[in-house]
Amino acid sequence: MKYLWKGNLVDYDGIKIDINDRGYQFGDGIYEYVRVYNGKLFALKEHLDRLENSAKLIDLNLGYTRDEIKGFCEQLIKANDLDSGNVYLQITRGDGIVRNHLYPEFKDQKAVISGFTTHYYRNNERIESGVKAILYPDLRWALCNVKSLNLLPNCMAIAEAHKYGANKAILYKGEYITEERAGNVLIVKDGKVITHPDGPEILPGITKMLILQILKERKMPFEERKFTKDELLNADEVIVSDTKTECCPVIKIGDKVIGDGKRGPVTKKIDDAYKELIVKQCGKVM
């Protein structure tokens, strides 16, 4: 296995994390998780757009061009002979400076980039049969549209879900649903898809964005608005969308069965179209 470390491909032993790395000390950094099918990067442009936006929102100097970052991803895929799985990229604000809450000015920041690949195939059973979820309070910070390294509340949420034999943790603030701890949430009611609009309360999901494009192109009704816990629990269909599990139906939330407890027709149509999009970009679904 080869890893990306400060712009070079190295063995595991070649990674030397500085105790003064701001990512290690403050969670001062961002990341992206890009899906790979058939050895090809899927929706890379959209992921790089989001990476740049996250950096802009926290005044982080990426230190590398889009082409350089794309090249790092391609090098990792080739070096690790990756046919299906993902590339993980992480960029912190730098290291080598004694711990200080005040970070360097933008021009003086020297980003630390790292990355690796993980191999796995598409989980067709989960995508077709659905998963269970719990409701969990949204304890995250106020800039959820930054794909930040600060994921402790997300970790706590999925740990709680696993206590109840669930795969997903759907977050809420007050009476309103925000998103799933690692993805976006869409509900279907009377044939219409409803999902939380982008903004500081949620991460702008790449998979959700592609799903909305599919709905628009196929003239399937949808609406971007906040929706309540009650609307979620009484929806005809519930979907969690994320890079790894794509368009995943939620068939039970807590003790409440959603719809008839099976993947619904709208979710299936979206999944079929999403697979077509993968094939168009990458050649085949794996």
C-alpha atoms as a PDB file:
ATOM      1  CA  MET A   1       0.000   0.000   0.000  1.00  0.00           C
ATOM      2  CA  LYS A   2       1.250   3.453  -0.958  1.00  0.00           C
ATOM      3  CA  TYR A   3       0.212   6.629   0.846  1.00  0.00           C
ATOM      4  CA  LEU A   4       0.288  10.283  -0.126  1.00  0.00           C
ATOM      5  CA  TRP A   5       2.385  12.336   2.284  1.00  0.00           C
ATOM      6  CA  LYS A   6       3.307  15.974   1.668  1.00  0.00           C
ATOM      7  CA  GLY A   7       3.023  15.558  -2.089  1.00  0.00           C
ATOM      8  CA  ASN A   8       4.932  12.273  -2.393  1.00  0.00           C
ATOM      9  CA  LEU A   9       3.915   8.627  -2.507  1.00  0.00           C
ATOM     10  CA  VAL A  10       5.494   6.757   0.406  1.00  0.00           C
ATOM     11  CA  ASP A  11       5.218   3.522   2.351  1.00  0.00           C
ATOM     12  CA  TYR A  12       3.431   3.626   5.710  1.00  0.00           C
ATOM     13  CA  ASP A  13       6.736   4.013   7.549  1.00  0.00           C
ATOM     14  CA  GLY A  14       7.468   7.110   5.484  1.00  0.00           C
ATOM     15  CA  ILE A  15       4.665   9.096   7.147  1.00  0.00           C
ATOM     16  CA  LYS A  16       6.047  11.351   9.892  1.00  0.00           C
ATOM     17  CA  ILE A  17       3.274  13.362  11.547  1.00  0.00           C
ATOM     18  CA  ASP A  18       4.548  16.393  13.447  1.00  0.00           C
ATOM     19  CA  ILE A  19       3.097  16.787  16.944  1.00  0.00           C
ATOM     20  CA  ASN A  20       2.637  20.470  16.011  1.00  0.00           C
ATOM     21  CA  ASP A  21       0.483  19.682  12.969  1.00  0.00           C
ATOM     22  CA  ARG A  22      -2.583  21.908  13.286  1.00  0.00           C
ATOM     23  CA  GLY A  23      -4.806  19.076  12.132  1.00  0.00           C
ATOM     24  CA  TYR A  24      -3.559  16.912  15.000  1.00  0.00           C
ATOM     25  CA  GLN A  25      -3.848  19.676  17.602  1.00  0.00           C
ATOM     26  CA  PHE A  26      -6.911  21.650  16.507  1.00  0.00           C
ATOM     27  CA  GLY A  27      -8.678  19.621  13.817  1.00  0.00           C
ATOM     28  CA  ASP A  28      -7.613  22.570  11.656  1.00  0.00           C
ATOM     29  CA  GLY A  29      -8.088  21.048   8.236  1.00  0.00           C
ATOM     30  CA  ILE A  30     -10.460  19.639   5.647  1.00  0.00           C
ATOM     31  CA  TYR A  31     -10.869  16.439   3.678  1.00  0.00           C
ATOM     32  CA  GLU A  32     -12.535  14.838   0.678  1.00  0.00           C
ATOM     33  CA  TYR A  33     -13.640  11.282  -0.024  1.00  0.00           C
ATOM     34  CA  VAL A  34     -13.856  10.465  -3.741  1.00  0.00           C
ATOM     35  CA  ARG A  35     -15.435   7.275  -5.069  1.00  0.00           C
ATOM     36  CA  VAL A  36     -13.586   5.145  -7.613  1.00  0.00           C
ATOM     37  CA  TYR A  37     -15.325   2.784 -10.034  1.00  0.00           C
ATOM     38  CA  ASN A  38     -13.491   0.741 -12.647  1.00  0.00           C
ATOM     39  CA  GLY A  39     -10.258   2.502 -11.698  1.00  0.00           C
ATOM     40  CA  LYS A  40     -11.722   5.923 -12.508  1.00  0.00           C
ATOM     41  CA  LEU A  41     -12.558   8.862 -10.237  1.00  0.00           C
ATOM     42  CA  PHE A  42     -16.283   9.626 -10.069  1.00  0.00           C
ATOM     43  CA  ALA A  43     -17.567  13.228  -9.848  1.00  0.00           C
ATOM     44  CA  LEU A  44     -14.047  14.523  -9.190  1.00  0.00           C
ATOM     45  CA  LYS A  45     -14.849  18.044 -10.411  1.00  0.00           C
ATOM     46  CA  GLU A  46     -17.659  18.369  -7.888  1.00  0.00           C
ATOM     47  CA  HIS A  47     -15.472  17.064  -5.067  1.00  0.00           C
ATOM     48  CA  LEU A  48     -12.682  19.499  -5.926  1.00  0.00           C
ATOM     49  CA  ASP A  49     -15.213  22.348  -6.064  1.00  0.00           C
ATOM     50  CA  ARG A  50     -16.312  21.464  -2.545  1.00  0.00           C
ATOM     51  CA  LEU A  51     -12.724  21.109  -1.322  1.00  0.00           C
ATOM     52  CA  GLU A  52     -11.906  24.597  -2.585  1.00  0.00           C
ATOM     53  CA  ASN A  53     -15.087  26.020  -1.055  1.00  0.00           C
ATOM     54  CA  SER A  54     -14.322  24.425   2.324  1.00  0.00           C
ATOM     55  CA  ALA A  55     -10.833  25.944   2.227  1.00  0.00           C
ATOM     56  CA  LYS A  56     -12.232  29.362   1.324  1.00  0.00           C
ATOM     57  CA  LEU A  57     -14.748  29.294   4.175  1.00  0.00           C
ATOM     58  CA  ILE A  58     -12.017  28.751   6.785  1.00  0.00           C
ATOM     59  CA  ASP A  59      -9.288  30.880   5.126  1.00  0.00           C
ATOM     60  CA  LEU A  60      -7.080  27.842   4.451  1.00  0.00           C
ATOM     61  CA  ASN A  61      -4.364  28.010   1.785  1.00  0.00           C
ATOM     62  CA  LEU A  62      -4.551  24.665  -0.045  1.00  0.00           C
ATOM     63  CA  GLY A  63      -1.051  25.106  -1.426  1.00  0.00           C
ATOM     64  CA  TYR A  64      -1.774  22.907  -4.460  1.00  0.00           C
ATOM     65  CA  THR A  65      -3.610  23.445  -7.750  1.00  0.00           C
ATOM     66  CA  ARG A  66      -6.640  21.412  -8.833  1.00  0.00           C
ATOM     67  CA  ASP A  67      -4.495  19.628 -11.423  1.00  0.00           C
ATOM     68  CA  GLU A  68      -1.915  18.712  -8.784  1.00  0.00           C
ATOM     69  CA  ILE A  69      -4.594  17.330  -6.450  1.00  0.00           C
ATOM     70  CA  LYS A  70      -6.162  15.391  -9.311  1.00  0.00           C
ATOM     71  CA  GLY A  71      -2.715  14.019 -10.108  1.00  0.00           C
ATOM     72  CA  PHE A  72      -2.242  12.867  -6.515  1.00  0.00           C
ATOM     73  CA  CYS A  73      -5.554  10.955  -6.696  1.00  0.00           C
ATOM     74  CA  GLU A  74      -4.581   9.296  -9.973  1.00  0.00           C
ATOM     75  CA  GLN A  75      -1.139   8.365  -8.626  1.00  0.00           C
ATOM     76  CA  LEU A  76      -2.710   6.694  -5.590  1.00  0.00           C
ATOM     77  CA  ILE A  77      -5.127   4.710  -7.774  1.00  0.00           C
ATOM     78  CA  LYS A  78      -2.328   3.492 -10.029  1.00  0.00           C
ATOM     79  CA  ALA A  79       0.148   2.741  -7.238  1.00  0.00           C
ATOM     80  CA  ASN A  80      -2.427   0.727  -5.275  1.00  0.00           C
ATOM     81  CA  ASP A  81      -4.003  -0.936  -8.324  1.00  0.00           C
ATOM     82  CA  LEU A  82      -7.414   0.285  -7.184  1.00  0.00           C
ATOM     83  CA  ASP A  83     -10.349  -0.854  -9.309  1.00  0.00           C
ATOM     84  CA  SER A  84     -13.188  -0.031  -6.896  1.00  0.00           C
ATOM     85  CA  GLY A  85     -13.257   1.879  -3.614  1.00  0.00           C
ATOM     86  CA  ASN A  86     -12.260   5.406  -2.686  1.00  0.00           C
ATOM     87  CA  VAL A  87      -9.477   7.946  -2.418  1.00  0.00           C
ATOM     88  CA  TYR A  88      -9.296   9.877   0.865  1.00  0.00           C
ATOM     89  CA  LEU A  89      -7.525  13.255   0.843  1.00  0.00           C
ATOM     90  CA  GLN A  90      -6.767  15.402   3.885  1.00  0.00           C
ATOM     91  CA  ILE A  91      -5.261  18.879   4.030  1.00  0.00           C
ATOM     92  CA  THR A  92      -4.289  20.601   7.281  1.00  0.00           C
ATOM     93  CA  ARG A  93      -3.200  24.196   7.746  1.00  0.00           C
ATOM     94  CA  GLY A  94       0.400  23.183   8.399  1.00  0.00           C
ATOM     95  CA  ASP A  95       2.961  22.003  10.928  1.00  0.00           C
ATOM     96  CA  GLY A  96       6.375  22.944  12.291  1.00  0.00           C
ATOM     97  CA  ILE A  97       5.115  25.917  14.303  1.00  0.00           C
ATOM     98  CA  VAL A  98       4.727  25.838  18.093  1.00  0.00           C
ATOM     99  CA  ARG A  99       1.088  25.372  19.168  1.00  0.00           C
ATOM    100  CA  ASN A 100      -0.838  28.637  18.889  1.00  0.00           C
ATOM    101  CA  HIS A 101      -4.557  29.293  18.445  1.00  0.00           C
ATOM    102  CA  LEU A 102      -3.665  32.095  16.028  1.00  0.00           C
ATOM    103  CA  TYR A 103      -2.909  30.520  12.668  1.00  0.00           C
ATOM    104  CA  PRO A 104      -0.468  32.048  10.130  1.00  0.00           C
ATOM    105  CA  GLU A 105      -1.636  34.581   7.559  1.00  0.00           C
ATOM    106  CA  PHE A 106      -2.936  33.052   4.341  1.00  0.00           C
ATOM    107  CA  LYS A 107       0.251  33.738   2.351  1.00  0.00           C
ATOM    108  CA  ASP A 108       2.413  32.146   5.047  1.00  0.00           C
ATOM    109  CA  GLN A 109       0.430  28.922   5.442  1.00  0.00           C
ATOM    110  CA  LYS A 110       2.129  25.726   4.237  1.00  0.00           C
ATOM    111  CA  ALA A 111      -0.516  23.037   3.897  1.00  0.00           C
ATOM    112  CA  VAL A 112       0.159  19.409   4.795  1.00  0.00           C
ATOM    113  CA  ILE A 113      -1.536  17.058   2.330  1.00  0.00           C
ATOM    114  CA  SER A 114      -1.989  13.342   2.899  1.00  0.00           C
ATOM    115  CA  GLY A 115      -4.108  10.582   1.440  1.00  0.00           C
ATOM    116  CA  PHE A 116      -4.752   6.891   0.963  1.00  0.00           C
ATOM    117  CA  THR A 117      -7.057   4.473  -0.841  1.00  0.00           C
ATOM    118  CA  THR A 118      -9.537   1.901   0.438  1.00  0.00           C
ATOM    119  CA  HIS A 119     -10.736  -1.036  -1.655  1.00  0.00           C
ATOM    120  CA  TYR A 120     -14.354  -2.221  -1.626  1.00  0.00           C
ATOM    121  CA  TYR A 121     -17.172  -2.965  -4.056  1.00  0.00           C
ATOM    122  CA  ARG A 122     -20.648  -1.480  -4.308  1.00  0.00           C
ATOM    123  CA  ASN A 123     -22.902  -2.800  -1.529  1.00  0.00           C
ATOM    124  CA  ASN A 124     -25.859  -3.815  -3.696  1.00  0.00           C
ATOM    125  CA  GLU A 125     -27.639  -5.613  -0.852  1.00  0.00           C
ATOM    126  CA  ARG A 126     -27.680  -2.501   1.344  1.00  0.00           C
ATOM    127  CA  ILE A 127     -28.702  -0.249  -1.553  1.00  0.00           C
ATOM    128  CA  GLU A 128     -31.538  -2.565  -2.606  1.00  0.00           C
ATOM    129  CA  SER A 129     -32.748  -3.884   0.761  1.00  0.00           C
ATOM    130  CA  GLY A 130     -32.296  -0.749   2.853  1.00  0.00           C
ATOM    131  CA  VAL A 131     -30.921   0.054   6.290  1.00  0.00           C
ATOM    132  CA  LYS A 132     -32.106   0.970   9.771  1.00  0.00           C
ATOM    133  CA  ALA A 133     -31.503   4.353  11.393  1.00  0.00           C
ATOM    134  CA  ILE A 134     -31.948   6.209  14.652  1.00  0.00           C
ATOM    135  CA  LEU A 135     -32.654   9.857  15.391  1.00  0.00           C
ATOM    136  CA  TYR A 136     -29.844  11.715  17.156  1.00  0.00           C
ATOM    137  CA  PRO A 137     -29.439  15.383  18.173  1.00  0.00           C
ATOM    138  CA  ASP A 138     -27.231  17.456  15.881  1.00  0.00           C
ATOM    139  CA  LEU A 139     -24.336  18.519  18.127  1.00  0.00           C
ATOM    140  CA  ARG A 140     -22.031  19.870  15.416  1.00  0.00           C
ATOM    141  CA  TRP A 141     -20.637  23.366  14.946  1.00  0.00           C
ATOM    142  CA  ALA A 142     -22.220  26.206  12.975  1.00  0.00           C
ATOM    143  CA  LEU A 143     -20.292  25.727   9.700  1.00  0.00           C
ATOM    144  CA  CYS A 144     -21.413  22.280   8.623  1.00  0.00           C
ATOM    145  CA  ASN A 145     -20.912  23.291   4.967  1.00  0.00           C
ATOM    146  CA  VAL A 146     -17.162  22.963   5.639  1.00  0.00           C
ATOM    147  CA  LYS A 147     -15.962  19.362   5.268  1.00  0.00           C
ATOM    148  CA  SER A 148     -13.916  19.743   8.422  1.00  0.00           C
ATOM    149  CA  LEU A 149     -11.764  17.223  10.261  1.00  0.00           C
ATOM    150  CA  ASN A 150     -13.793  17.887  13.432  1.00  0.00           C
ATOM    151  CA  LEU A 151     -15.988  14.791  13.381  1.00  0.00           C
ATOM    152  CA  LEU A 152     -16.407  13.885  17.062  1.00  0.00           C
ATOM    153  CA  PRO A 153     -20.194  14.550  17.099  1.00  0.00           C
ATOM    154  CA  ASN A 154     -20.529  12.395  13.965  1.00  0.00           C
ATOM    155  CA  CYS A 155     -18.560   9.600  15.640  1.00  0.00           C
ATOM    156  CA  MET A 156     -20.757   9.804  18.733  1.00  0.00           C
ATOM    157  CA  ALA A 157     -23.886   9.611  16.575  1.00  0.00           C
ATOM    158  CA  ILE A 158     -22.889   6.468  14.685  1.00  0.00           C
ATOM    159  CA  ALA A 159     -21.671   4.830  17.916  1.00  0.00           C
ATOM    160  CA  GLU A 160     -25.142   5.402  19.382  1.00  0.00           C
ATOM    161  CA  ALA A 161     -26.754   3.975  16.242  1.00  0.00           C
ATOM    162  CA  HIS A 162     -24.698   0.799  16.509  1.00  0.00           C
ATOM    163  CA  LYS A 163     -25.954   0.266  20.072  1.00  0.00           C
ATOM    164  CA  TYR A 164     -29.407  -0.200  18.525  1.00  0.00           C
ATOM    165  CA  GLY A 165     -28.290  -2.279  15.562  1.00  0.00           C
ATOM    166  CA  ALA A 166     -28.703   0.618  13.132  1.00  0.00           C
ATOM    167  CA  ASN A 167     -26.482   1.661  10.220  1.00  0.00           C
ATOM    168  CA  LYS A 168     -27.402   5.337  10.035  1.00  0.00           C
ATOM    169  CA  ALA A 169     -27.857   8.227  12.470  1.00  0.00           C
ATOM    170  CA  ILE A 170     -30.228  10.934  11.257  1.00  0.00           C
ATOM    171  CA  LEU A 171     -29.560  14.281  12.935  1.00  0.00           C
ATOM    172  CA  TYR A 172     -32.075  16.871  14.072  1.00  0.00           C
ATOM    173  CA  LYS A 173     -32.134  20.355  15.567  1.00  0.00           C
ATOM    174  CA  GLY A 174     -35.341  21.104  17.431  1.00  0.00           C
ATOM    175  CA  GLU A 175     -38.161  19.753  15.301  1.00  0.00           C
ATOM    176  CA  TYR A 176     -36.224  19.839  12.032  1.00  0.00           C
ATOM    177  CA  ILE A 177     -34.053  17.225  10.359  1.00  0.00           C
ATOM    178  CA  THR A 178     -30.650  18.452   9.175  1.00  0.00           C
ATOM    179  CA  GLU A 179     -28.832  15.463   7.670  1.00  0.00           C
ATOM    180  CA  GLU A 180     -27.408  12.034   8.383  1.00  0.00           C
ATOM    181  CA  ARG A 181     -24.106  11.978  10.288  1.00  0.00           C
ATOM    182  CA  ALA A 182     -22.213  11.171   7.036  1.00  0.00           C
ATOM    183  CA  GLY A 183     -24.713  11.987   4.310  1.00  0.00           C
ATOM    184  CA  ASN A 184     -27.789  13.923   3.303  1.00  0.00           C
ATOM    185  CA  VAL A 185     -31.410  12.923   3.899  1.00  0.00           C
ATOM    186  CA  LEU A 186     -34.190  12.978   1.321  1.00  0.00           C
ATOM    187  CA  ILE A 187     -37.812  12.025   1.923  1.00  0.00           C
ATOM    188  CA  VAL A 188     -40.521  11.101  -0.558  1.00  0.00           C
ATOM    189  CA  LYS A 189     -44.158  12.031   0.016  1.00  0.00           C
ATOM    190  CA  ASP A 190     -46.868  11.528  -2.605  1.00  0.00           C
ATOM    191  CA  GLY A 191     -44.218  11.146  -5.292  1.00  0.00           C
ATOM    192  CA  LYS A 192     -42.327  14.353  -4.433  1.00  0.00           C
ATOM    193  CA  VAL A 193     -38.741  14.316  -3.147  1.00  0.00           C
ATOM    194  CA  ILE A 194     -37.993  16.787  -0.327  1.00  0.00           C
ATOM    195  CA  THR A 195     -34.528  17.607   1.028  1.00  0.00           C
ATOM    196  CA  HIS A 196     -32.886  20.248   3.225  1.00  0.00           C
ATOM    197  CA  PRO A 197     -31.462  23.163   1.197  1.00  0.00           C
ATOM    198  CA  ASP A 198     -27.699  23.701   1.184  1.00  0.00           C
ATOM    199  CA  GLY A 199     -26.288  26.183   3.678  1.00  0.00           C
ATOM    200  CA  PRO A 200     -24.303  26.286   6.947  1.00  0.00           C
ATOM    201  CA  GLU A 201     -26.583  23.716   8.629  1.00  0.00           C
ATOM    202  CA  ILE A 202     -25.584  20.849   6.316  1.00  0.00           C
ATOM    203  CA  LEU A 203     -22.739  19.617   4.154  1.00  0.00           C
ATOM    204  CA  PRO A 204     -23.435  20.196   0.444  1.00  0.00           C
ATOM    205  CA  GLY A 205     -23.423  16.534  -0.532  1.00  0.00           C
ATOM    206  CA  ILE A 206     -22.072  15.572  -3.947  1.00  0.00           C
ATOM    207  CA  THR A 207     -24.381  12.562  -4.201  1.00  0.00           C
ATOM    208  CA  LYS A 208     -27.392  14.687  -3.241  1.00  0.00           C
ATOM    209  CA  MET A 209     -26.419  17.259  -5.864  1.00  0.00           C
ATOM    210  CA  LEU A 210     -26.233  14.557  -8.543  1.00  0.00           C
ATOM    211  CA  ILE A 211     -29.596  13.154  -7.427  1.00  0.00           C
ATOM    212  CA  LEU A 212     -31.207  16.594  -7.746  1.00  0.00           C
ATOM    213  CA  GLN A 213     -29.751  16.878 -11.246  1.00  0.00           C
ATOM    214  CA  ILE A 214     -31.281  13.505 -12.088  1.00  0.00           C
ATOM    215  CA  LEU A 215     -34.674  14.603 -10.745  1.00  0.00           C
ATOM    216  CA  LYS A 216     -34.530  17.812 -12.754  1.00  0.00           C
ATOM    217  CA  GLU A 217     -33.510  16.074 -15.986  1.00  0.00           C
ATOM    218  CA  ARG A 218     -36.233  13.436 -15.603  1.00  0.00           C
ATOM    219  CA  LYS A 219     -38.852  15.984 -14.584  1.00  0.00           C
ATOM    220  CA  MET A 220     -39.475  14.231 -11.272  1.00  0.00           C
ATOM    221  CA  PRO A 221     -40.940  16.619  -8.659  1.00  0.00           C
ATOM    222  CA  PHE A 222     -38.692  17.786  -5.824  1.00  0.00           C
ATOM    223  CA  GLU A 223     -38.464  20.587  -3.308  1.00  0.00           C
ATOM    224  CA  GLU A 224     -35.558  21.943  -1.261  1.00  0.00           C
ATOM    225  CA  ARG A 225     -36.892  22.956   2.163  1.00  0.00           C
ATOM    226  CA  LYS A 226     -36.586  22.056   5.814  1.00  0.00           C
ATOM    227  CA  PHE A 227     -38.759  19.191   6.985  1.00  0.00           C
ATOM    228  CA  THR A 228     -39.687  17.966  10.452  1.00  0.00           C
ATOM    229  CA  LYS A 229     -39.106  14.756  12.375  1.00  0.00           C
ATOM    230  CA  ASP A 230     -42.803  14.018  11.981  1.00  0.00           C
ATOM    231  CA  GLU A 231     -42.571  14.398   8.198  1.00  0.00           C
ATOM    232  CA  LEU A 232     -39.555  12.090   8.177  1.00  0.00           C
ATOM    233  CA  LEU A 233     -41.264   9.361  10.178  1.00  0.00           C
ATOM    234  CA  ASN A 234     -44.430   9.567   8.094  1.00  0.00           C
ATOM    235  CA  ALA A 235     -42.741   9.737   4.691  1.00  0.00           C
ATOM    236  CA  ASP A 236     -43.500   7.184   2.005  1.00  0.00           C
ATOM    237  CA  GLU A 237     -39.771   6.703   1.419  1.00  0.00           C
ATOM    238  CA  VAL A 238     -36.594   7.894   3.144  1.00  0.00           C
ATOM    239  CA  ILE A 239     -33.197   8.070   1.441  1.00  0.00           C
ATOM    240  CA  VAL A 240     -29.717   8.715   2.786  1.00  0.00           C
ATOM    241  CA  SER A 241     -27.306   9.826   0.080  1.00  0.00           C
ATOM    242  CA  ASP A 242     -23.534   9.726   0.423  1.00  0.00           C
ATOM    243  CA  THR A 243     -20.456   8.916  -1.653  1.00  0.00           C
ATOM    244  CA  LYS A 244     -20.025   5.354  -0.378  1.00  0.00           C
ATOM    245  CA  THR A 245     -23.591   4.024  -0.122  1.00  0.00           C
ATOM    246  CA  GLU A 246     -24.916   6.255  -2.938  1.00  0.00           C
ATOM    247  CA  CYS A 247     -28.739   6.320  -2.819  1.00  0.00           C
ATOM    248  CA  CYS A 248     -29.573   4.178   0.201  1.00  0.00           C
ATOM    249  CA  PRO A 249     -33.162   3.525   1.360  1.00  0.00           C
ATOM    250  CA  VAL A 250     -33.941   3.745   5.071  1.00  0.00           C
ATOM    251  CA  ILE A 251     -36.633   1.193   5.896  1.00  0.00           C
ATOM    252  CA  LYS A 252     -36.876   1.719   9.662  1.00  0.00           C
ATOM    253  CA  ILE A 253     -36.130   4.614  12.022  1.00  0.00           C
ATOM    254  CA  GLY A 254     -36.131   3.588  15.660  1.00  0.00           C
ATOM    255  CA  ASP A 255     -39.291   1.510  16.021  1.00  0.00           C
ATOM    256  CA  LYS A 256     -41.066   3.155  13.067  1.00  0.00           C
ATOM    257  CA  VAL A 257     -41.224   1.237   9.789  1.00  0.00           C
ATOM    258  CA  ILE A 258     -41.004   3.554   6.773  1.00  0.00           C
ATOM    259  CA  GLY A 259     -43.598   2.851   4.081  1.00  0.00           C
ATOM    260  CA  ASP A 260     -43.939  -0.892   3.627  1.00  0.00           C
ATOM    261  CA  GLY A 261     -40.457  -1.576   4.954  1.00  0.00           C
ATOM    262  CA  LYS A 262     -38.941  -2.017   1.497  1.00  0.00           C
ATOM    263  CA  ARG A 263     -37.160   0.180  -1.023  1.00  0.00           C
ATOM    264  CA  GLY A 264     -39.771   2.389  -2.677  1.00  0.00           C
ATOM    265  CA  PRO A 265     -40.357   3.042  -6.385  1.00  0.00           C
ATOM    266  CA  VAL A 266     -38.945   6.586  -6.397  1.00  0.00           C
ATOM    267  CA  THR A 267     -35.755   5.450  -4.656  1.00  0.00           C
ATOM    268  CA  LYS A 268     -35.366   2.670  -7.229  1.00  0.00           C
ATOM    269  CA  LYS A 269     -35.770   5.088 -10.138  1.00  0.00           C
ATOM    270  CA  ILE A 270     -33.128   7.379  -8.648  1.00  0.00           C
ATOM    271  CA  ASP A 271     -30.756   4.458  -8.069  1.00  0.00           C
ATOM    272  CA  ASP A 272     -31.195   3.209 -11.640  1.00  0.00           C
ATOM    273  CA  ALA A 273     -30.412   6.684 -13.006  1.00  0.00           C
ATOM    274  CA  TYR A 274     -27.458   7.073 -10.632  1.00  0.00           C
ATOM    275  CA  LYS A 275     -25.962   3.805 -11.901  1.00  0.00           C
ATOM    276  CA  GLU A 276     -26.334   5.082 -15.456  1.00  0.00           C
ATOM    277  CA  LEU A 277     -24.399   8.194 -14.475  1.00  0.00           C
ATOM    278  CA  ILE A 278     -21.603   6.062 -13.004  1.00  0.00           C
ATOM    279  CA  VAL A 279     -21.397   3.986 -16.174  1.00  0.00           C
ATOM    280  CA  LYS A 280     -21.313   7.147 -18.303  1.00  0.00           C
ATOM    281  CA  GLN A 281     -18.352   8.540 -16.348  1.00  0.00           C
ATOM    282  CA  CYS A 282     -16.454   5.393 -15.359  1.00  0.00           C
ATOM    283  CA  GLY A 283     -17.461   2.685 -17.831  1.00  0.00           C
ATOM    284  CA  LYS A 284     -19.089   0.297 -15.363  1.00  0.00           C
ATOM    285  CA  VAL A 285     -20.393   0.015 -11.799  1.00  0.00           C
ATOM    286  CA  MET A 286     -18.279  -2.013  -9.380  1.00  0.00           C
END
